[in-house]
PDB file of N, CA and C in Angstrom:
ATOM      1  N   MET A   1       0.599  -1.334  -0.107  1.00  0.00           N
ATOM      2  CA  MET A   1       0.268  -0.226  -0.070  1.00  0.00           C
ATOM      3  C   MET A   1       0.871   1.242  -0.186  1.00  0.00           C
ATOM      4  N   ASN A   2       0.721   2.375  -0.838  1.00  0.00           N
ATOM      5  CA  ASN A   2       1.549   3.608  -0.971  1.00  0.00           C
ATOM      6  C   ASN A   2       0.942   4.387  -0.289  1.00  0.00           C
ATOM      7  N   SER A   3       1.812   5.376  -0.062  1.00  0.00           N
ATOM      8  CA  SER A   3       1.385   6.720   0.910  1.00  0.00           C
ATOM      9  C   SER A   3      -0.221   7.320   0.088  1.00  0.00           C
ATOM     10  N   ASP A   4      -0.254   7.402  -1.035  1.00  0.00           N
ATOM     11  CA  ASP A   4      -1.498   8.081  -1.476  1.00  0.00           C
ATOM     12  C   ASP A   4      -2.519   6.972  -1.010  1.00  0.00           C
ATOM     13  N   ASP A   5      -2.416   5.683  -0.976  1.00  0.00           N
ATOM     14  CA  ASP A   5      -3.439   5.114  -0.725  1.00  0.00           C
ATOM     15  C   ASP A   5      -3.870   4.790   0.910  1.00  0.00           C
ATOM     16  N   LYS A   6      -2.843   5.283   1.520  1.00  0.00           N
ATOM     17  CA  LYS A   6      -2.805   5.259   3.068  1.00  0.00           C
ATOM     18  C   LYS A   6      -3.383   6.407   3.504  1.00  0.00           C
ATOM     19  N   PHE A   7      -3.003   7.587   2.905  1.00  0.00           N
ATOM     20  CA  PHE A   7      -3.623   9.209   3.439  1.00  0.00           C
ATOM     21  C   PHE A   7      -5.307   8.789   2.650  1.00  0.00           C
ATOM     22  N   ALA A   8      -5.859   7.930   1.765  1.00  0.00           N
ATOM     23  CA  ALA A   8      -6.920   8.300   1.013  1.00  0.00           C
ATOM     24  C   ALA A   8      -7.706   7.320   2.588  1.00  0.00           C
ATOM     25  N   PHE A   9      -7.384   6.379   2.791  1.00  0.00           N
ATOM     26  CA  PHE A   9      -7.870   5.483   3.474  1.00  0.00           C
ATOM     27  C   PHE A   9      -8.101   6.167   5.113  1.00  0.00           C
ATOM     28  N   LEU A  10      -7.400   7.122   5.501  1.00  0.00           N
ATOM     29  CA  LEU A  10      -7.181   7.724   6.296  1.00  0.00           C
ATOM     30  C   LEU A  10      -8.234   8.928   6.309  1.00  0.00           C
ATOM     31  N   VAL A  11      -8.204   9.561   5.244  1.00  0.00           N
ATOM     32  CA  VAL A  11      -9.082  10.602   4.869  1.00  0.00           C
ATOM     33  C   VAL A  11     -10.821   9.759   5.069  1.00  0.00           C
ATOM     34  N   ILE A  12     -10.845   8.934   4.594  1.00  0.00           N
ATOM     35  CA  ILE A  12     -12.186   8.604   4.573  1.00  0.00           C
ATOM     36  C   ILE A  12     -12.828   7.615   5.291  1.00  0.00           C
ATOM     37  N   ALA A  13     -11.795   6.531   6.106  1.00  0.00           N
ATOM     38  CA  ALA A  13     -12.267   5.684   6.701  1.00  0.00           C
ATOM     39  C   ALA A  13     -12.428   6.288   8.400  1.00  0.00           C
ATOM     40  N   THR A  14     -11.298   7.115   8.631  1.00  0.00           N
ATOM     41  CA  THR A  14     -11.715   7.718   9.901  1.00  0.00           C
ATOM     42  C   THR A  14     -13.068   8.219  10.472  1.00  0.00           C
ATOM     43  N   PRO A  15     -13.379   9.315   9.673  1.00  0.00           N
ATOM     44  CA  PRO A  15     -14.842   9.563   9.974  1.00  0.00           C
ATOM     45  C   PRO A  15     -15.988   8.630   9.812  1.00  0.00           C
ATOM     46  N   LEU A  16     -15.913   7.672   9.069  1.00  0.00           N
ATOM     47  CA  LEU A  16     -16.776   6.297   9.156  1.00  0.00           C
ATOM     48  C   LEU A  16     -16.815   6.094  10.415  1.00  0.00           C
ATOM     49  N   ILE A  17     -15.532   5.528  10.782  1.00  0.00           N
ATOM     50  CA  ILE A  17     -15.398   4.486  11.982  1.00  0.00           C
ATOM     51  C   ILE A  17     -15.612   5.399  13.184  1.00  0.00           C
ATOM     52  N   GLY A  18     -15.295   6.746  12.953  1.00  0.00           N
ATOM     53  CA  GLY A  18     -15.946   7.665  14.261  1.00  0.00           C
ATOM     54  C   GLY A  18     -17.485   7.617  14.272  1.00  0.00           C
ATOM     55  N   LEU A  19     -18.200   7.895  13.472  1.00  0.00           N
ATOM     56  CA  LEU A  19     -19.721   8.099  13.088  1.00  0.00           C
ATOM     57  C   LEU A  19     -19.975   6.403  13.605  1.00  0.00           C
ATOM     58  N   ILE A  20     -19.822   5.337  13.483  1.00  0.00           N
ATOM     59  CA  ILE A  20     -20.044   3.882  13.702  1.00  0.00           C
ATOM     60  C   ILE A  20     -19.815   3.779  15.190  1.00  0.00           C
ATOM     61  N   TYR A  21     -18.617   4.434  15.683  1.00  0.00           N
ATOM     62  CA  TYR A  21     -18.400   4.456  17.247  1.00  0.00           C
ATOM     63  C   TYR A  21     -19.370   5.139  18.169  1.00  0.00           C
ATOM     64  N   CYS A  22     -19.669   6.415  17.445  1.00  0.00           N
ATOM     65  CA  CYS A  22     -20.444   7.083  18.245  1.00  0.00           C
ATOM     66  C   CYS A  22     -22.069   6.505  18.143  1.00  0.00           C
ATOM     67  N   GLY A  23     -22.180   5.901  17.056  1.00  0.00           N
ATOM     68  CA  GLY A  23     -23.413   5.510  16.894  1.00  0.00           C
ATOM     69  C   GLY A  23     -23.993   4.083  17.588  1.00  0.00           C
ATOM     70  N   ILE A  24     -22.922   3.243  17.950  1.00  0.00           N
ATOM     71  CA  ILE A  24     -22.942   2.424  19.196  1.00  0.00           C
ATOM     72  C   ILE A  24     -22.745   3.037  20.432  1.00  0.00           C
ATOM     73  N   GLY A  25     -22.055   3.962  20.703  1.00  0.00           N
ATOM     74  CA  GLY A  25     -22.208   4.429  21.923  1.00  0.00           C
ATOM     75  C   GLY A  25     -23.875   4.877  22.195  1.00  0.00           C
ATOM     76  N   ILE A  26     -24.332   5.563  21.350  1.00  0.00           N
ATOM     77  CA  ILE A  26     -25.670   6.374  21.629  1.00  0.00           C
ATOM     78  C   ILE A  26     -26.668   5.123  21.740  1.00  0.00           C
ATOM     79  N   THR A  27     -26.330   4.018  20.626  1.00  0.00           N
ATOM     80  CA  THR A  27     -27.345   2.893  21.132  1.00  0.00           C
ATOM     81  C   THR A  27     -27.295   2.312  22.386  1.00  0.00           C
ATOM     82  N   LEU A  28     -25.679   1.949  22.749  1.00  0.00           N
ATOM     83  CA  LEU A  28     -25.758   1.480  24.228  1.00  0.00           C
ATOM     84  C   LEU A  28     -26.526   2.113  25.143  1.00  0.00           C
ATOM     85  N   MET A  29     -25.971   3.859  25.104  1.00  0.00           N
ATOM     86  CA  MET A  29     -26.585   4.500  26.049  1.00  0.00           C
ATOM     87  C   MET A  29     -28.238   4.303  25.902  1.00  0.00           C
ATOM     88  N   ILE A  30     -28.727   4.183  25.152  1.00  0.00           N
ATOM     89  CA  ILE A  30     -30.523   4.150  24.992  1.00  0.00           C
ATOM     90  C   ILE A  30     -30.669   2.756  25.454  1.00  0.00           C
ATOM     91  N   SER A  31     -30.542   1.700  24.890  1.00  0.00           N
ATOM     92  CA  SER A  31     -30.652   0.388  25.452  1.00  0.00           C
ATOM     93  C   SER A  31     -30.337  -0.137  26.791  1.00  0.00           C
ATOM     94  N   ASN A  32     -29.267   0.102  27.208  1.00  0.00           N
ATOM     95  CA  ASN A  32     -28.314  -0.474  28.399  1.00  0.00           C
ATOM     96  C   ASN A  32     -28.875   0.424  29.508  1.00  0.00           C
ATOM     97  N   GLU A  33     -29.453  -0.029  30.910  1.00  0.00           N
ATOM     98  CA  GLU A  33     -29.996   0.381  31.843  1.00  0.00           C
ATOM     99  C   GLU A  33     -28.707   0.828  32.684  1.00  0.00           C
ATOM    100  N   THR A  34     -27.944   0.070  32.753  1.00  0.00           N
ATOM    101  CA  THR A  34     -26.485  -0.110  33.539  1.00  0.00           C
ATOM    102  C   THR A  34     -25.447   1.154  33.094  1.00  0.00           C
ATOM    103  N   ILE A  35     -25.640   1.240  31.672  1.00  0.00           N
ATOM    104  CA  ILE A  35     -24.889   2.553  31.293  1.00  0.00           C
ATOM    105  C   ILE A  35     -25.767   3.631  31.843  1.00  0.00           C
ATOM    106  N   ARG A  36     -26.970   3.930  31.715  1.00  0.00           N
ATOM    107  CA  ARG A  36     -27.573   5.051  32.052  1.00  0.00           C
ATOM    108  C   ARG A  36     -27.288   5.153  33.416  1.00  0.00           C
ATOM    109  N   GLU A  37     -27.318   4.183  34.177  1.00  0.00           N
ATOM    110  CA  GLU A  37     -27.243   4.443  35.962  1.00  0.00           C
ATOM    111  C   GLU A  37     -25.929   4.925  36.433  1.00  0.00           C
ATOM    112  N   HIS A  38     -24.892   4.491  35.369  1.00  0.00           N
ATOM    113  CA  HIS A  38     -23.438   4.959  35.932  1.00  0.00           C
ATOM    114  C   HIS A  38     -23.008   5.912  34.859  1.00  0.00           C
ATOM    115  N   PRO A  39     -23.258   7.014  34.143  1.00  0.00           N
ATOM    116  CA  PRO A  39     -22.947   7.755  33.564  1.00  0.00           C
ATOM    117  C   PRO A  39     -21.423   8.279  33.545  1.00  0.00           C
ATOM    118  N   LEU A  40     -21.024   8.437  34.631  1.00  0.00           N
ATOM    119  CA  LEU A  40     -19.644   8.806  34.890  1.00  0.00           C
ATOM    120  C   LEU A  40     -18.542   7.941  34.497  1.00  0.00           C
ATOM    121  N   ILE A  41     -18.863   6.618  34.605  1.00  0.00           N
ATOM    122  CA  ILE A  41     -17.755   5.630  34.436  1.00  0.00           C
ATOM    123  C   ILE A  41     -17.975   5.276  33.088  1.00  0.00           C
ATOM    124  N   SER A  42     -19.419   4.923  32.207  1.00  0.00           N
ATOM    125  CA  SER A  42     -19.504   4.798  30.983  1.00  0.00           C
ATOM    126  C   SER A  42     -19.016   5.811  29.917  1.00  0.00           C
ATOM    127  N   GLY A  43     -19.123   7.031  30.250  1.00  0.00           N
ATOM    128  CA  GLY A  43     -18.489   8.305  29.753  1.00  0.00           C
ATOM    129  C   GLY A  43     -16.923   8.069  29.889  1.00  0.00           C
ATOM    130  N   THR A  44     -16.540   7.819  30.773  1.00  0.00           N
ATOM    131  CA  THR A  44     -14.922   7.933  31.063  1.00  0.00           C
ATOM    132  C   THR A  44     -14.506   6.987  29.773  1.00  0.00           C
ATOM    133  N   ILE A  45     -15.321   5.847  29.757  1.00  0.00           N
ATOM    134  CA  ILE A  45     -14.623   4.516  29.452  1.00  0.00           C
ATOM    135  C   ILE A  45     -14.796   4.706  27.974  1.00  0.00           C
ATOM    136  N   PHE A  46     -16.222   5.461  27.465  1.00  0.00           N
ATOM    137  CA  PHE A  46     -16.274   5.635  26.333  1.00  0.00           C
ATOM    138  C   PHE A  46     -15.289   7.111  25.737  1.00  0.00           C
ATOM    139  N   ILE A  47     -14.831   8.000  26.142  1.00  0.00           N
ATOM    140  CA  ILE A  47     -13.993   8.697  26.091  1.00  0.00           C
ATOM    141  C   ILE A  47     -12.508   7.987  25.837  1.00  0.00           C
ATOM    142  N   LEU A  48     -11.984   7.162  26.722  1.00  0.00           N
ATOM    143  CA  LEU A  48     -10.602   6.638  26.969  1.00  0.00           C
ATOM    144  C   LEU A  48     -10.577   5.608  25.735  1.00  0.00           C
ATOM    145  N   ILE A  49     -11.280   4.844  25.258  1.00  0.00           N
ATOM    146  CA  ILE A  49     -11.055   4.265  24.236  1.00  0.00           C
ATOM    147  C   ILE A  49     -10.251   4.603  23.047  1.00  0.00           C
ATOM    148  N   PRO A  50     -10.994   5.781  22.398  1.00  0.00           N
ATOM    149  CA  PRO A  50     -10.525   6.608  21.197  1.00  0.00           C
ATOM    150  C   PRO A  50      -9.128   7.212  21.973  1.00  0.00           C
ATOM    151  N   PHE A  51      -9.297   7.828  22.460  1.00  0.00           N
ATOM    152  CA  PHE A  51      -7.892   8.380  23.207  1.00  0.00           C
ATOM    153  C   PHE A  51      -6.824   7.290  23.451  1.00  0.00           C
ATOM    154  N   LEU A  52      -7.125   6.478  23.918  1.00  0.00           N
ATOM    155  CA  LEU A  52      -5.822   5.501  24.083  1.00  0.00           C
ATOM    156  C   LEU A  52      -5.509   4.944  22.743  1.00  0.00           C
ATOM    157  N   LEU A  53      -6.296   4.614  21.748  1.00  0.00           N
ATOM    158  CA  LEU A  53      -6.119   4.389  20.686  1.00  0.00           C
ATOM    159  C   LEU A  53      -5.044   5.423  19.638  1.00  0.00           C
ATOM    160  N   ALA A  54      -5.493   6.619  19.750  1.00  0.00           N
ATOM    161  CA  ALA A  54      -4.831   7.511  19.235  1.00  0.00           C
ATOM    162  C   ALA A  54      -3.829   8.089  20.149  1.00  0.00           C
ATOM    163  N   ALA A  55      -3.437   7.730  21.145  1.00  0.00           N
ATOM    164  CA  ALA A  55      -2.159   8.053  21.833  1.00  0.00           C
ATOM    165  C   ALA A  55      -1.138   6.957  21.517  1.00  0.00           C
ATOM    166  N   SER A  56      -1.841   5.710  21.308  1.00  0.00           N
ATOM    167  CA  SER A  56      -0.738   4.503  21.066  1.00  0.00           C
ATOM    168  C   SER A  56      -0.129   4.626  19.740  1.00  0.00           C
ATOM    169  N   THR A  57      -1.257   5.210  18.912  1.00  0.00           N
ATOM    170  CA  THR A  57      -0.949   5.369  17.148  1.00  0.00           C
ATOM    171  C   THR A  57       0.495   6.264  17.377  1.00  0.00           C
ATOM    172  N   TRP A  58      -0.159   7.288  18.031  1.00  0.00           N
ATOM    173  CA  TRP A  58       0.872   8.658  17.853  1.00  0.00           C
ATOM    174  C   TRP A  58       2.271   8.205  18.548  1.00  0.00           C
ATOM    175  N   ILE A  59       2.118   7.523  19.318  1.00  0.00           N
ATOM    176  CA  ILE A  59       3.668   7.064  20.172  1.00  0.00           C
ATOM    177  C   ILE A  59       4.293   6.534  19.403  1.00  0.00           C
ATOM    178  N   ARG A  60       3.664   5.338  18.828  1.00  0.00           N
ATOM    179  CA  ARG A  60       4.229   4.383  17.842  1.00  0.00           C
ATOM    180  C   ARG A  60       4.841   4.883  16.641  1.00  0.00           C
ATOM    181  N   ALA A  61       4.186   5.866  16.065  1.00  0.00           N
ATOM    182  CA  ALA A  61       4.651   6.671  14.833  1.00  0.00           C
ATOM    183  C   ALA A  61       5.780   7.438  15.040  1.00  0.00           C
ATOM    184  N   SER A  62       5.811   8.433  16.469  1.00  0.00           N
ATOM    185  CA  SER A  62       6.993   8.678  16.794  1.00  0.00           C
ATOM    186  C   SER A  62       8.080   8.280  17.107  1.00  0.00           C
ATOM    187  N   ALA A  63       8.009   6.872  17.697  1.00  0.00           N
ATOM    188  CA  ALA A  63       9.155   6.089  18.106  1.00  0.00           C
ATOM    189  C   ALA A  63       9.861   5.658  16.541  1.00  0.00           C
ATOM    190  N   LYS A  64       8.792   5.280  15.474  1.00  0.00           N
ATOM    191  CA  LYS A  64       9.194   4.852  14.272  1.00  0.00           C
ATOM    192  C   LYS A  64      10.127   5.772  13.825  1.00  0.00           C
ATOM    193  N   ALA A  65       9.566   7.194  13.877  1.00  0.00           N
ATOM    194  CA  ALA A  65      10.349   7.936  12.841  1.00  0.00           C
ATOM    195  C   ALA A  65      11.797   8.218  13.901  1.00  0.00           C
ATOM    196  N   TYR A  66      11.662   8.367  14.823  1.00  0.00           N
ATOM    197  CA  TYR A  66      12.752   8.627  15.904  1.00  0.00           C
ATOM    198  C   TYR A  66      13.976   7.843  15.703  1.00  0.00           C
ATOM    199  N   ASN A  67      13.402   6.316  15.517  1.00  0.00           N
ATOM    200  CA  ASN A  67      14.339   5.390  15.187  1.00  0.00           C
ATOM    201  C   ASN A  67      14.876   5.619  13.602  1.00  0.00           C
ATOM    202  N   ASN A  68      14.138   5.815  13.051  1.00  0.00           N
ATOM    203  CA  ASN A  68      14.901   6.091  11.447  1.00  0.00           C
ATOM    204  C   ASN A  68      15.836   7.265  11.439  1.00  0.00           C
ATOM    205  N   THR A  69      15.572   8.171  12.336  1.00  0.00           N
ATOM    206  CA  THR A  69      16.369   9.441  12.235  1.00  0.00           C
ATOM    207  C   THR A  69      17.751   9.390  12.819  1.00  0.00           C
ATOM    208  N   ASN A  70      17.738   8.389  14.005  1.00  0.00           N
ATOM    209  CA  ASN A  70      18.899   8.100  14.111  1.00  0.00           C
ATOM    210  C   ASN A  70      19.595   6.795  13.606  1.00  0.00           C
ATOM    211  N   ARG A  71      18.922   5.867  13.018  1.00  0.00           N
ATOM    212  CA  ARG A  71      19.849   5.240  12.118  1.00  0.00           C
ATOM    213  C   ARG A  71      20.152   5.873  10.731  1.00  0.00           C
ATOM    214  N   SER A  72      19.861   7.091  10.175  1.00  0.00           N
ATOM    215  CA  SER A  72      20.026   7.843   9.037  1.00  0.00           C
ATOM    216  C   SER A  72      21.378   8.659   9.709  1.00  0.00           C
ATOM    217  N   GLN A  73      21.432   9.230  10.961  1.00  0.00           N
ATOM    218  CA  GLN A  73      22.354  10.112  11.315  1.00  0.00           C
ATOM    219  C   GLN A  73      23.699   9.070  11.968  1.00  0.00           C
ATOM    220  N   ASP A  74      23.352   8.024  12.176  1.00  0.00           N
ATOM    221  CA  ASP A  74      24.554   6.826  12.410  1.00  0.00           C
ATOM    222  C   ASP A  74      25.079   6.488  10.998  1.00  0.00           C
ATOM    223  N   SER A  75      24.478   6.034  10.276  1.00  0.00           N
ATOM    224  CA  SER A  75      25.344   5.921   8.967  1.00  0.00           C
ATOM    225  C   SER A  75      25.920   6.795   8.308  1.00  0.00           C
ATOM    226  N   GLU A  76      25.488   8.254   8.544  1.00  0.00           N
ATOM    227  CA  GLU A  76      26.401   9.210   8.015  1.00  0.00           C
ATOM    228  C   GLU A  76      27.395   9.516   9.109  1.00  0.00           C
ATOM    229  N   ILE A  77      27.128   9.562  10.232  1.00  0.00           N
ATOM    230  CA  ILE A  77      28.606   9.557  11.068  1.00  0.00           C
ATOM    231  C   ILE A  77      29.710   8.338  10.650  1.00  0.00           C
ATOM    232  N   LYS A  78      29.289   7.216  10.256  1.00  0.00           N
ATOM    233  CA  LYS A  78      30.297   5.944  10.012  1.00  0.00           C
ATOM    234  C   LYS A  78      30.743   6.440   8.568  1.00  0.00           C
ATOM    235  N   ASN A  79      30.326   6.853   7.797  1.00  0.00           N
ATOM    236  CA  ASN A  79      30.562   7.259   6.403  1.00  0.00           C
ATOM    237  C   ASN A  79      31.753   8.364   6.526  1.00  0.00           C
TER     238      ASN A  79
END
Protein backbone atom coordinates (compact mmCIF):
# COMPACT_ATOMS: atom_id res chain seq x y z
CA MET A 1 0.00 0.00 0.00
CA ASN A 2 1.59 3.27 -1.08
CA SER A 3 1.34 6.57 0.79
CA ASP A 4 -1.51 7.92 -1.37
CA ASP A 5 -3.63 4.87 -0.59
CA LYS A 6 -2.85 5.17 3.11
CA PHE A 7 -3.81 8.85 3.09
CA ALA A 8 -7.06 8.14 1.23
CA PHE A 9 -7.89 5.41 3.73
CA LEU A 10 -7.15 7.80 6.60
CA VAL A 11 -9.30 10.59 5.15
CA ILE A 12 -12.26 8.35 4.24
CA ALA A 13 -12.22 5.66 6.91
CA THR A 14 -11.49 7.72 10.02
CA PRO A 15 -14.73 9.76 9.96
CA LEU A 16 -16.78 6.67 9.10
CA ILE A 17 -15.25 4.70 11.96
CA GLY A 18 -15.94 7.67 14.26
CA LEU A 19 -19.58 7.79 13.19
CA ILE A 20 -19.97 4.06 13.75
CA TYR A 21 -18.35 4.36 17.18
CA CYS A 22 -20.66 7.21 18.15
CA GLY A 23 -23.66 5.28 16.87
CA ILE A 24 -22.68 2.26 18.95
CA GLY A 25 -22.22 4.49 22.01
CA ILE A 26 -25.59 6.19 21.58
CA THR A 27 -27.30 2.84 20.98
CA LEU A 28 -25.75 1.42 24.13
CA MET A 29 -26.81 4.48 26.12
CA ILE A 30 -30.39 4.14 24.91
CA SER A 31 -30.73 0.38 25.30
CA ASN A 32 -28.59 -0.49 28.35
CA GLU A 33 -29.91 0.57 31.74
CA THR A 34 -26.58 -0.04 33.52
CA ILE A 35 -24.86 2.55 31.32
CA ARG A 36 -27.62 5.06 32.07
CA GLU A 37 -27.32 4.44 35.81
CA HIS A 38 -23.53 5.00 35.81
CA PRO A 39 -22.94 7.87 33.37
CA LEU A 40 -19.60 8.97 34.79
CA ILE A 41 -17.99 5.54 34.48
CA SER A 42 -19.50 4.74 31.08
CA GLY A 43 -18.65 8.21 29.74
CA THR A 44 -15.07 7.87 30.93
CA ILE A 45 -14.72 4.50 29.23
CA PHE A 46 -16.39 5.86 26.08
CA ILE A 47 -13.88 8.74 25.94
CA LEU A 48 -10.79 6.73 26.92
CA ILE A 49 -11.10 4.10 24.18
CA PRO A 50 -10.46 6.47 21.21
CA PHE A 51 -8.00 8.56 23.25
CA LEU A 52 -5.85 5.55 24.12
CA LEU A 53 -6.02 4.28 20.55
CA ALA A 54 -4.90 7.67 19.19
CA ALA A 55 -2.17 8.07 21.81
CA SER A 56 -0.73 4.62 21.14
CA THR A 57 -0.79 5.25 17.39
CA TRP A 58 0.93 8.62 17.87
CA ILE A 59 3.62 7.21 20.16
CA ARG A 60 4.28 4.25 17.86
CA ALA A 61 4.65 6.55 14.83
CA SER A 62 6.90 8.94 16.76
CA ALA A 63 9.12 6.10 17.93
CA LYS A 64 9.37 4.76 14.40
CA ALA A 65 10.34 8.19 13.05
CA TYR A 66 12.84 8.69 15.87
CA ASN A 67 14.47 5.33 15.16
CA ASN A 68 14.68 6.07 11.44
CA THR A 69 16.27 9.47 12.15
CA ASN A 70 18.85 7.95 14.49
CA ARG A 71 19.74 5.22 12.01
CA SER A 72 20.27 7.71 9.21
CA GLN A 73 22.43 9.92 11.46
CA ASP A 74 24.47 6.90 12.59
CA SER A 75 25.12 5.85 8.99
CA GLU A 76 26.23 9.40 8.12
CA ILE A 77 28.65 9.45 11.04
CA LYS A 78 30.16 6.09 10.05
CA ASN A 79 30.67 7.23 6.45
